[in-house]
Amino acid sequence: MVTPPNHPPNCLQCTYFFVTWDPRFPRGCSVFNIKSREFPSYEVFRATGKHCPAFQKSERIRGTG
């Protein structure tokens, strides 16, 4: 069993994160189909009380731990 992190995952490193064209809601998550002013992982935490279960580190990210 994987121990959940003590902090929300960094959406900028997630495969499912995207930038929207909407200046009011510039950040999005394709898994939860949400757009937000905050990072989507914060919205998931607010709604469920748990950190994002869908985080998957993007292959585009290199050299970061």
C-alpha atoms as a PDB file:
ATOM      1  CA  MET A   1       0.000   0.000   0.000  1.00  0.00           C
ATOM      2  CA  VAL A   2       1.298   3.453  -0.927  1.00  0.00           C
ATOM      3  CA  THR A   3       1.412   6.057   1.825  1.00  0.00           C
ATOM      4  CA  PRO A   4      -0.274   9.284   0.706  1.00  0.00           C
ATOM      5  CA  PRO A   5       1.866  12.428   0.659  1.00  0.00           C
ATOM      6  CA  ASN A   6       1.591  15.025   3.415  1.00  0.00           C
ATOM      7  CA  HIS A   7       1.069  17.740   0.823  1.00  0.00           C
ATOM      8  CA  PRO A   8      -0.802  17.996  -2.469  1.00  0.00           C
ATOM      9  CA  PRO A   9       1.085  16.841  -5.548  1.00  0.00           C
ATOM     10  CA  ASN A  10       2.530  19.484  -7.840  1.00  0.00           C
ATOM     11  CA  CYS A  11       0.060  19.750 -10.711  1.00  0.00           C
ATOM     12  CA  LEU A  12       2.727  21.290 -12.938  1.00  0.00           C
ATOM     13  CA  GLN A  13       4.445  17.906 -12.972  1.00  0.00           C
ATOM     14  CA  CYS A  14       1.288  15.902 -13.699  1.00  0.00           C
ATOM     15  CA  THR A  15       0.394  14.268 -17.006  1.00  0.00           C
ATOM     16  CA  TYR A  16      -3.221  15.424 -16.654  1.00  0.00           C
ATOM     17  CA  PHE A  17      -2.557  19.116 -15.964  1.00  0.00           C
ATOM     18  CA  PHE A  18      -3.285  21.627 -18.704  1.00  0.00           C
ATOM     19  CA  VAL A  19      -3.449  25.392 -19.138  1.00  0.00           C
ATOM     20  CA  THR A  20      -6.805  26.756 -20.262  1.00  0.00           C
ATOM     21  CA  TRP A  21      -7.645  29.769 -22.392  1.00  0.00           C
ATOM     22  CA  ASP A  22      -9.996  31.099 -19.718  1.00  0.00           C
ATOM     23  CA  PRO A  23      -8.216  33.872 -17.752  1.00  0.00           C
ATOM     24  CA  ARG A  24     -10.664  33.385 -14.859  1.00  0.00           C
ATOM     25  CA  PHE A  25      -9.826  29.667 -14.566  1.00  0.00           C
ATOM     26  CA  PRO A  26      -6.346  29.189 -16.059  1.00  0.00           C
ATOM     27  CA  ARG A  27      -5.497  25.733 -14.676  1.00  0.00           C
ATOM     28  CA  GLY A  28      -7.181  22.451 -15.504  1.00  0.00           C
ATOM     29  CA  CYS A  29      -7.202  18.711 -14.915  1.00  0.00           C
ATOM     30  CA  SER A  30      -8.304  16.328 -17.637  1.00  0.00           C
ATOM     31  CA  VAL A  31      -9.026  13.476 -15.180  1.00  0.00           C
ATOM     32  CA  PHE A  32     -11.500  15.402 -13.041  1.00  0.00           C
ATOM     33  CA  ASN A  33     -12.611  17.656 -15.895  1.00  0.00           C
ATOM     34  CA  ILE A  34     -12.156  20.816 -13.838  1.00  0.00           C
ATOM     35  CA  LYS A  35     -10.822  24.301 -14.471  1.00  0.00           C
ATOM     36  CA  SER A  36      -9.723  26.411 -11.524  1.00  0.00           C
ATOM     37  CA  ARG A  37      -7.894  29.535 -10.375  1.00  0.00           C
ATOM     38  CA  GLU A  38      -5.869  27.317  -8.026  1.00  0.00           C
ATOM     39  CA  PHE A  39      -4.063  24.116  -8.879  1.00  0.00           C
ATOM     40  CA  PRO A  40      -6.588  21.335  -9.487  1.00  0.00           C
ATOM     41  CA  SER A  41      -5.046  19.247  -6.676  1.00  0.00           C
ATOM     42  CA  TYR A  42      -6.156  21.951  -4.201  1.00  0.00           C
ATOM     43  CA  GLU A  43      -9.709  21.742  -5.512  1.00  0.00           C
ATOM     44  CA  VAL A  44      -9.679  17.949  -5.184  1.00  0.00           C
ATOM     45  CA  PHE A  45      -8.486  18.290  -1.586  1.00  0.00           C
ATOM     46  CA  ARG A  46     -11.192  20.841  -0.769  1.00  0.00           C
ATOM     47  CA  ALA A  47     -13.892  18.615  -2.223  1.00  0.00           C
ATOM     48  CA  THR A  48     -12.761  15.261  -0.822  1.00  0.00           C
ATOM     49  CA  GLY A  49     -10.411  15.973   2.091  1.00  0.00           C
ATOM     50  CA  LYS A  50      -7.813  13.755   0.399  1.00  0.00           C
ATOM     51  CA  HIS A  51      -4.876  14.478  -1.855  1.00  0.00           C
ATOM     52  CA  CYS A  52      -5.282  13.858  -5.559  1.00  0.00           C
ATOM     53  CA  PRO A  53      -5.414  10.112  -6.274  1.00  0.00           C
ATOM     54  CA  ALA A  54      -4.887  10.582 -10.026  1.00  0.00           C
ATOM     55  CA  PHE A  55      -1.468  12.274  -9.978  1.00  0.00           C
ATOM     56  CA  GLN A  56       0.880  10.721 -12.503  1.00  0.00           C
ATOM     57  CA  LYS A  57       4.279  12.292 -13.057  1.00  0.00           C
ATOM     58  CA  SER A  58       4.587  13.490 -16.623  1.00  0.00           C
ATOM     59  CA  GLU A  59       7.255  12.057 -18.875  1.00  0.00           C
ATOM     60  CA  ARG A  60       7.885  15.641 -20.048  1.00  0.00           C
ATOM     61  CA  ILE A  61       9.471  16.386 -16.660  1.00  0.00           C
ATOM     62  CA  ARG A  62      13.126  15.438 -16.529  1.00  0.00           C
ATOM     63  CA  GLY A  63      15.751  15.690 -13.872  1.00  0.00           C
ATOM     64  CA  THR A  64      13.377  16.505 -11.015  1.00  0.00           C
ATOM     65  CA  GLY A  65      13.081  14.174  -8.083  1.00  0.00           C
END
